[in-house]
């Protein structure tokens, strides 16, 4: 029987051969215990790339419909997303984002890796937007190490308005873990904001992106698939 680990490793091998990515800093991922990956966001594929290439599994939340499609294709999608570590979440519900954040905290506190995009949605112009304080909340609430990641070139793997995927070289730079005092879920807002700012500075240094001092938002018509 093919295991989830085997599927993840096979996908990682395909990515390495077809895209020839430049990957640095994987040794910064903690060898044990819970941790938080905070990355910039350029492509729908960012999550599965980080999940496949990381030396330890990283759980990102993904839209629940990826796990419930009918037929053989739907079954294959479900197996693949489960294999790389994705966790289904009902994003159409009003409180889903808050519940998802708490869910990530619970997963990480059990000794696992979790991933989050501080910008919230992917950047369509390649710039790095202001980080939302959810990542700061997660860092300060759990006190777990935050591993910053800078991606370059992943937007070329899949155009924003296309389902077609084409091999293209990209970079994944993993930075040294950032550590914050554990203050629990009910902590002062300034602590959350300060942590968010520090995390975004680290991501910017790794990605080399031009920064924008405002929040990004999905295109008109609703959220994007995978964001």
C-alpha atoms as a PDB file:
ATOM      1  CA  UNK A   1       0.000   0.000   0.000  1.00  0.00           C
ATOM      2  CA  UNK A   2       1.319   3.445  -0.950  1.00  0.00           C
ATOM      3  CA  UNK A   3       1.748   5.584   2.162  1.00  0.00           C
ATOM      4  CA  UNK A   4       1.233   9.317   2.513  1.00  0.00           C
ATOM      5  CA  UNK A   5       4.953   9.676   3.197  1.00  0.00           C
ATOM      6  CA  UNK A   6       5.785   7.896  -0.070  1.00  0.00           C
ATOM      7  CA  UNK A   7       3.473  10.167  -2.060  1.00  0.00           C
ATOM      8  CA  UNK A   8       4.995  13.255  -0.451  1.00  0.00           C
ATOM      9  CA  UNK A   9       8.538  12.091  -1.200  1.00  0.00           C
ATOM     10  CA  UNK A  10       7.626  11.154  -4.772  1.00  0.00           C
ATOM     11  CA  UNK A  11       6.095  14.574  -5.408  1.00  0.00           C
ATOM     12  CA  UNK A  12       9.183  16.236  -3.913  1.00  0.00           C
ATOM     13  CA  UNK A  13      11.356  14.214  -6.276  1.00  0.00           C
ATOM     14  CA  UNK A  14       9.277  15.233  -9.293  1.00  0.00           C
ATOM     15  CA  UNK A  15       9.537  18.904  -8.276  1.00  0.00           C
ATOM     16  CA  UNK A  16      13.293  18.712  -7.812  1.00  0.00           C
ATOM     17  CA  UNK A  17      13.845  17.062 -11.200  1.00  0.00           C
ATOM     18  CA  UNK A  18      11.354  19.088 -13.260  1.00  0.00           C
ATOM     19  CA  UNK A  19      11.851  22.533 -11.683  1.00  0.00           C
ATOM     20  CA  UNK A  20      15.443  22.349 -10.400  1.00  0.00           C
ATOM     21  CA  UNK A  21      14.613  24.605  -7.449  1.00  0.00           C
ATOM     22  CA  UNK A  22      17.279  26.431  -5.471  1.00  0.00           C
ATOM     23  CA  UNK A  23      16.582  25.532  -1.837  1.00  0.00           C
ATOM     24  CA  UNK A  24      18.579  26.875   1.080  1.00  0.00           C
ATOM     25  CA  UNK A  25      18.256  26.803   4.857  1.00  0.00           C
ATOM     26  CA  UNK A  26      16.319  23.564   5.336  1.00  0.00           C
ATOM     27  CA  UNK A  27      18.564  22.911   8.337  1.00  0.00           C
ATOM     28  CA  UNK A  28      16.759  25.786  10.075  1.00  0.00           C
ATOM     29  CA  UNK A  29      13.600  23.662  10.381  1.00  0.00           C
ATOM     30  CA  UNK A  30      13.551  22.341  13.969  1.00  0.00           C
ATOM     31  CA  UNK A  31      14.363  18.639  14.222  1.00  0.00           C
ATOM     32  CA  UNK A  32      11.620  18.050  16.779  1.00  0.00           C
ATOM     33  CA  UNK A  33       8.721  19.791  18.478  1.00  0.00           C
ATOM     34  CA  UNK A  34       6.100  22.103  17.077  1.00  0.00           C
ATOM     35  CA  UNK A  35       6.971  24.970  14.762  1.00  0.00           C
ATOM     36  CA  UNK A  36       5.313  27.582  12.560  1.00  0.00           C
ATOM     37  CA  UNK A  37       6.276  28.265   8.941  1.00  0.00           C
ATOM     38  CA  UNK A  38       5.485  31.835   7.831  1.00  0.00           C
ATOM     39  CA  UNK A  39       5.913  32.440   4.116  1.00  0.00           C
ATOM     40  CA  UNK A  40       5.230  34.983   1.410  1.00  0.00           C
ATOM     41  CA  UNK A  41       2.583  33.857  -1.076  1.00  0.00           C
ATOM     42  CA  UNK A  42       2.902  34.022  -4.865  1.00  0.00           C
ATOM     43  CA  UNK A  43       1.168  30.915  -6.217  1.00  0.00           C
ATOM     44  CA  UNK A  44      -1.591  28.415  -5.540  1.00  0.00           C
ATOM     45  CA  UNK A  45       1.169  25.801  -5.453  1.00  0.00           C
ATOM     46  CA  UNK A  46       3.148  27.432  -2.631  1.00  0.00           C
ATOM     47  CA  UNK A  47       1.626  25.284   0.108  1.00  0.00           C
ATOM     48  CA  UNK A  48       2.244  21.923  -1.558  1.00  0.00           C
ATOM     49  CA  UNK A  49       5.781  22.973  -2.520  1.00  0.00           C
ATOM     50  CA  UNK A  50       6.645  23.910   1.067  1.00  0.00           C
ATOM     51  CA  UNK A  51       4.944  20.773   2.360  1.00  0.00           C
ATOM     52  CA  UNK A  52       6.759  18.486  -0.068  1.00  0.00           C
ATOM     53  CA  UNK A  53      10.224  20.031   0.235  1.00  0.00           C
ATOM     54  CA  UNK A  54      10.298  20.583   3.993  1.00  0.00           C
ATOM     55  CA  UNK A  55      12.295  17.962   5.945  1.00  0.00           C
ATOM     56  CA  UNK A  56       9.309  17.644   8.284  1.00  0.00           C
ATOM     57  CA  UNK A  57       5.586  17.643   7.464  1.00  0.00           C
ATOM     58  CA  UNK A  58       3.899  21.056   7.534  1.00  0.00           C
ATOM     59  CA  UNK A  59       0.125  21.382   7.792  1.00  0.00           C
ATOM     60  CA  UNK A  60      -1.588  24.141   5.817  1.00  0.00           C
ATOM     61  CA  UNK A  61      -5.335  24.601   5.775  1.00  0.00           C
ATOM     62  CA  UNK A  62      -6.984  24.021   2.388  1.00  0.00           C
ATOM     63  CA  UNK A  63     -10.523  24.523   1.170  1.00  0.00           C
ATOM     64  CA  UNK A  64     -12.746  21.639   2.246  1.00  0.00           C
ATOM     65  CA  UNK A  65     -14.012  21.050  -1.298  1.00  0.00           C
ATOM     66  CA  UNK A  66     -10.571  19.743  -2.271  1.00  0.00           C
ATOM     67  CA  UNK A  67     -11.345  16.735  -0.063  1.00  0.00           C
ATOM     68  CA  UNK A  68     -14.953  16.103  -1.104  1.00  0.00           C
ATOM     69  CA  UNK A  69     -14.949  15.995  -4.914  1.00  0.00           C
ATOM     70  CA  UNK A  70     -16.746  12.946  -6.381  1.00  0.00           C
ATOM     71  CA  UNK A  71     -15.258  10.172  -8.493  1.00  0.00           C
ATOM     72  CA  UNK A  72     -11.727   8.876  -8.969  1.00  0.00           C
ATOM     73  CA  UNK A  73     -10.323  12.363  -9.537  1.00  0.00           C
ATOM     74  CA  UNK A  74     -11.846  13.546  -6.279  1.00  0.00           C
ATOM     75  CA  UNK A  75     -10.435  10.540  -4.444  1.00  0.00           C
ATOM     76  CA  UNK A  76      -6.983  11.209  -5.902  1.00  0.00           C
ATOM     77  CA  UNK A  77      -7.167  14.870  -4.852  1.00  0.00           C
ATOM     78  CA  UNK A  78      -8.146  13.899  -1.324  1.00  0.00           C
ATOM     79  CA  UNK A  79      -5.274  11.416  -1.017  1.00  0.00           C
ATOM     80  CA  UNK A  80      -2.762  13.902  -2.416  1.00  0.00           C
ATOM     81  CA  UNK A  81      -3.756  16.817  -0.168  1.00  0.00           C
ATOM     82  CA  UNK A  82      -3.808  14.545   2.878  1.00  0.00           C
ATOM     83  CA  UNK A  83      -0.385  13.186   1.886  1.00  0.00           C
ATOM     84  CA  UNK A  84       1.315  16.586   1.835  1.00  0.00           C
ATOM     85  CA  UNK A  85      -0.302  17.586   5.125  1.00  0.00           C
ATOM     86  CA  UNK A  86      -3.251  19.748   4.128  1.00  0.00           C
ATOM     87  CA  UNK A  87      -6.143  20.051   6.568  1.00  0.00           C
ATOM     88  CA  UNK A  88      -9.682  20.799   5.304  1.00  0.00           C
ATOM     89  CA  UNK A  89     -11.444  23.933   6.515  1.00  0.00           C
ATOM     90  CA  UNK A  90     -14.863  25.378   5.680  1.00  0.00           C
ATOM     91  CA  UNK A  91     -13.805  28.825   4.507  1.00  0.00           C
ATOM     92  CA  UNK A  92     -17.256  30.094   3.617  1.00  0.00           C
ATOM     93  CA  UNK A  93     -18.297  30.216   7.255  1.00  0.00           C
ATOM     94  CA  UNK A  94     -17.930  33.607   8.919  1.00  0.00           C
ATOM     95  CA  UNK A  95     -15.888  32.355  11.860  1.00  0.00           C
ATOM     96  CA  UNK A  96     -13.764  29.983   9.772  1.00  0.00           C
ATOM     97  CA  UNK A  97     -10.608  32.119   9.819  1.00  0.00           C
ATOM     98  CA  UNK A  98     -10.630  32.425  13.611  1.00  0.00           C
ATOM     99  CA  UNK A  99     -11.327  28.720  14.031  1.00  0.00           C
ATOM    100  CA  UNK A 100      -8.571  27.886  11.549  1.00  0.00           C
ATOM    101  CA  UNK A 101      -6.071  29.981  13.485  1.00  0.00           C
ATOM    102  CA  UNK A 102      -6.927  28.228  16.734  1.00  0.00           C
ATOM    103  CA  UNK A 103      -6.772  24.926  14.867  1.00  0.00           C
ATOM    104  CA  UNK A 104      -3.242  25.651  13.686  1.00  0.00           C
ATOM    105  CA  UNK A 105      -2.278  26.488  17.251  1.00  0.00           C
ATOM    106  CA  UNK A 106      -3.604  23.152  18.503  1.00  0.00           C
ATOM    107  CA  UNK A 107      -1.778  21.199  15.778  1.00  0.00           C
ATOM    108  CA  UNK A 108       1.526  22.976  16.431  1.00  0.00           C
ATOM    109  CA  UNK A 109       1.192  22.593  20.194  1.00  0.00           C
ATOM    110  CA  UNK A 110       0.972  18.839  19.710  1.00  0.00           C
ATOM    111  CA  UNK A 111       4.496  18.885  18.271  1.00  0.00           C
ATOM    112  CA  UNK A 112       3.777  19.287  14.562  1.00  0.00           C
ATOM    113  CA  UNK A 113       4.658  21.862  11.920  1.00  0.00           C
ATOM    114  CA  UNK A 114       2.031  24.276  10.608  1.00  0.00           C
ATOM    115  CA  UNK A 115       2.134  26.867   7.849  1.00  0.00           C
ATOM    116  CA  UNK A 116       0.556  30.288   7.461  1.00  0.00           C
ATOM    117  CA  UNK A 117       0.675  33.152   4.955  1.00  0.00           C
ATOM    118  CA  UNK A 118       0.778  36.444   6.889  1.00  0.00           C
ATOM    119  CA  UNK A 119      -0.375  38.365   3.796  1.00  0.00           C
ATOM    120  CA  UNK A 120      -3.581  36.325   3.793  1.00  0.00           C
ATOM    121  CA  UNK A 121      -3.930  36.018   0.029  1.00  0.00           C
ATOM    122  CA  UNK A 122      -1.380  35.607  -2.750  1.00  0.00           C
ATOM    123  CA  UNK A 123       0.303  38.608  -4.283  1.00  0.00           C
ATOM    124  CA  UNK A 124      -0.627  39.164  -7.919  1.00  0.00           C
ATOM    125  CA  UNK A 125       1.979  41.854  -8.562  1.00  0.00           C
ATOM    126  CA  UNK A 126       4.922  40.177  -6.853  1.00  0.00           C
ATOM    127  CA  UNK A 127       5.112  42.694  -4.010  1.00  0.00           C
ATOM    128  CA  UNK A 128       5.124  41.825  -0.333  1.00  0.00           C
ATOM    129  CA  UNK A 129       2.071  43.225   1.427  1.00  0.00           C
ATOM    130  CA  UNK A 130       1.553  44.095   5.053  1.00  0.00           C
ATOM    131  CA  UNK A 131       1.231  41.090   7.335  1.00  0.00           C
ATOM    132  CA  UNK A 132      -2.022  40.431   9.143  1.00  0.00           C
ATOM    133  CA  UNK A 133      -1.638  39.889  12.861  1.00  0.00           C
ATOM    134  CA  UNK A 134      -2.884  36.294  12.821  1.00  0.00           C
ATOM    135  CA  UNK A 135       0.697  35.076  12.487  1.00  0.00           C
ATOM    136  CA  UNK A 136       1.697  37.243  15.455  1.00  0.00           C
ATOM    137  CA  UNK A 137      -1.176  35.833  17.478  1.00  0.00           C
ATOM    138  CA  UNK A 138      -0.084  32.300  16.659  1.00  0.00           C
ATOM    139  CA  UNK A 139       3.544  33.009  17.568  1.00  0.00           C
ATOM    140  CA  UNK A 140       2.821  34.708  20.880  1.00  0.00           C
ATOM    141  CA  UNK A 141      -0.032  32.393  21.880  1.00  0.00           C
ATOM    142  CA  UNK A 142       2.063  29.239  21.452  1.00  0.00           C
ATOM    143  CA  UNK A 143       5.609  30.492  22.014  1.00  0.00           C
ATOM    144  CA  UNK A 144       6.762  28.077  19.291  1.00  0.00           C
ATOM    145  CA  UNK A 145       9.598  28.924  16.874  1.00  0.00           C
ATOM    146  CA  UNK A 146       8.534  30.724  13.703  1.00  0.00           C
ATOM    147  CA  UNK A 147      10.476  29.670  10.598  1.00  0.00           C
ATOM    148  CA  UNK A 148      10.371  32.431   7.948  1.00  0.00           C
ATOM    149  CA  UNK A 149      10.347  31.367   4.294  1.00  0.00           C
ATOM    150  CA  UNK A 150      10.977  33.465   1.198  1.00  0.00           C
ATOM    151  CA  UNK A 151       9.729  32.118  -2.140  1.00  0.00           C
ATOM    152  CA  UNK A 152      10.870  33.467  -5.500  1.00  0.00           C
ATOM    153  CA  UNK A 153       9.514  32.528  -8.914  1.00  0.00           C
ATOM    154  CA  UNK A 154       6.691  30.183  -7.893  1.00  0.00           C
ATOM    155  CA  UNK A 155       4.207  32.447  -9.670  1.00  0.00           C
ATOM    156  CA  UNK A 156       5.667  31.213 -12.976  1.00  0.00           C
ATOM    157  CA  UNK A 157       4.577  27.644 -12.233  1.00  0.00           C
ATOM    158  CA  UNK A 158       0.909  28.524 -12.608  1.00  0.00           C
ATOM    159  CA  UNK A 159      -0.655  31.726 -13.881  1.00  0.00           C
ATOM    160  CA  UNK A 160      -3.130  33.319 -11.445  1.00  0.00           C
ATOM    161  CA  UNK A 161      -6.104  32.716 -13.764  1.00  0.00           C
ATOM    162  CA  UNK A 162      -5.058  29.328 -15.119  1.00  0.00           C
ATOM    163  CA  UNK A 163      -5.235  25.721 -13.951  1.00  0.00           C
ATOM    164  CA  UNK A 164      -2.304  24.728 -16.178  1.00  0.00           C
ATOM    165  CA  UNK A 165       0.989  23.971 -14.433  1.00  0.00           C
ATOM    166  CA  UNK A 166       4.350  24.213 -16.157  1.00  0.00           C
ATOM    167  CA  UNK A 167       7.810  23.453 -14.757  1.00  0.00           C
ATOM    168  CA  UNK A 168       9.853  26.520 -13.908  1.00  0.00           C
ATOM    169  CA  UNK A 169      12.844  27.145 -11.710  1.00  0.00           C
ATOM    170  CA  UNK A 170      12.115  28.777  -8.360  1.00  0.00           C
ATOM    171  CA  UNK A 171      13.815  29.504  -5.063  1.00  0.00           C
ATOM    172  CA  UNK A 172      12.844  28.595  -1.511  1.00  0.00           C
ATOM    173  CA  UNK A 173      14.927  30.279   1.173  1.00  0.00           C
ATOM    174  CA  UNK A 174      14.389  29.188   4.776  1.00  0.00           C
ATOM    175  CA  UNK A 175      15.550  31.523   7.511  1.00  0.00           C
ATOM    176  CA  UNK A 176      16.622  31.044  11.104  1.00  0.00           C
ATOM    177  CA  UNK A 177      13.723  30.476  13.523  1.00  0.00           C
ATOM    178  CA  UNK A 178      12.326  33.501  15.346  1.00  0.00           C
ATOM    179  CA  UNK A 179      11.346  33.011  18.966  1.00  0.00           C
ATOM    180  CA  UNK A 180       8.792  34.920  21.012  1.00  0.00           C
ATOM    181  CA  UNK A 181       7.752  34.761  24.626  1.00  0.00           C
ATOM    182  CA  UNK A 182       4.712  32.556  25.175  1.00  0.00           C
ATOM    183  CA  UNK A 183       1.930  34.822  26.471  1.00  0.00           C
ATOM    184  CA  UNK A 184      -1.059  32.548  25.817  1.00  0.00           C
ATOM    185  CA  UNK A 185      -4.145  33.225  23.728  1.00  0.00           C
ATOM    186  CA  UNK A 186      -5.169  36.304  25.703  1.00  0.00           C
ATOM    187  CA  UNK A 187      -2.208  38.605  25.229  1.00  0.00           C
ATOM    188  CA  UNK A 188      -1.746  42.358  24.625  1.00  0.00           C
ATOM    189  CA  UNK A 189      -2.338  43.516  21.054  1.00  0.00           C
ATOM    190  CA  UNK A 190       1.042  45.339  20.874  1.00  0.00           C
ATOM    191  CA  UNK A 191       2.869  42.039  21.443  1.00  0.00           C
ATOM    192  CA  UNK A 192       1.018  40.493  18.523  1.00  0.00           C
ATOM    193  CA  UNK A 193       1.747  43.452  16.262  1.00  0.00           C
ATOM    194  CA  UNK A 194       5.418  43.523  17.195  1.00  0.00           C
ATOM    195  CA  UNK A 195       5.790  39.802  16.467  1.00  0.00           C
ATOM    196  CA  UNK A 196       4.041  40.215  13.107  1.00  0.00           C
ATOM    197  CA  UNK A 197       6.335  43.086  12.116  1.00  0.00           C
ATOM    198  CA  UNK A 198       9.448  41.092  13.016  1.00  0.00           C
ATOM    199  CA  UNK A 199       8.234  38.072  11.050  1.00  0.00           C
ATOM    200  CA  UNK A 200       7.457  40.183   7.978  1.00  0.00           C
ATOM    201  CA  UNK A 201      10.911  41.781   8.130  1.00  0.00           C
ATOM    202  CA  UNK A 202      12.479  38.318   8.070  1.00  0.00           C
ATOM    203  CA  UNK A 203      10.318  37.207   5.128  1.00  0.00           C
ATOM    204  CA  UNK A 204      11.176  40.374   3.199  1.00  0.00           C
ATOM    205  CA  UNK A 205      14.896  39.798   3.691  1.00  0.00           C
ATOM    206  CA  UNK A 206      14.567  36.243   2.359  1.00  0.00           C
ATOM    207  CA  UNK A 207      12.271  36.987  -0.589  1.00  0.00           C
ATOM    208  CA  UNK A 208      13.825  40.288  -1.665  1.00  0.00           C
ATOM    209  CA  UNK A 209      10.390  41.637  -2.589  1.00  0.00           C
ATOM    210  CA  UNK A 210       9.381  45.264  -2.754  1.00  0.00           C
ATOM    211  CA  UNK A 211       7.161  45.971   0.249  1.00  0.00           C
ATOM    212  CA  UNK A 212       3.736  47.589   0.307  1.00  0.00           C
ATOM    213  CA  UNK A 213       2.475  49.159   3.541  1.00  0.00           C
ATOM    214  CA  UNK A 214      -1.131  48.051   3.137  1.00  0.00           C
ATOM    215  CA  UNK A 215      -3.063  44.810   3.287  1.00  0.00           C
ATOM    216  CA  UNK A 216      -3.527  42.724   0.169  1.00  0.00           C
ATOM    217  CA  UNK A 217      -6.999  41.552  -0.809  1.00  0.00           C
ATOM    218  CA  UNK A 218      -8.312  38.917  -3.221  1.00  0.00           C
ATOM    219  CA  UNK A 219      -9.651  40.042  -6.608  1.00  0.00           C
ATOM    220  CA  UNK A 220     -13.265  41.157  -6.885  1.00  0.00           C
ATOM    221  CA  UNK A 221     -15.677  38.280  -6.814  1.00  0.00           C
ATOM    222  CA  UNK A 222     -14.406  36.425  -3.774  1.00  0.00           C
ATOM    223  CA  UNK A 223     -11.412  34.536  -2.453  1.00  0.00           C
ATOM    224  CA  UNK A 224      -9.086  32.615  -4.708  1.00  0.00           C
ATOM    225  CA  UNK A 225      -8.730  28.888  -4.740  1.00  0.00           C
ATOM    226  CA  UNK A 226      -5.971  27.797  -2.424  1.00  0.00           C
ATOM    227  CA  UNK A 227      -5.610  31.166  -0.682  1.00  0.00           C
END
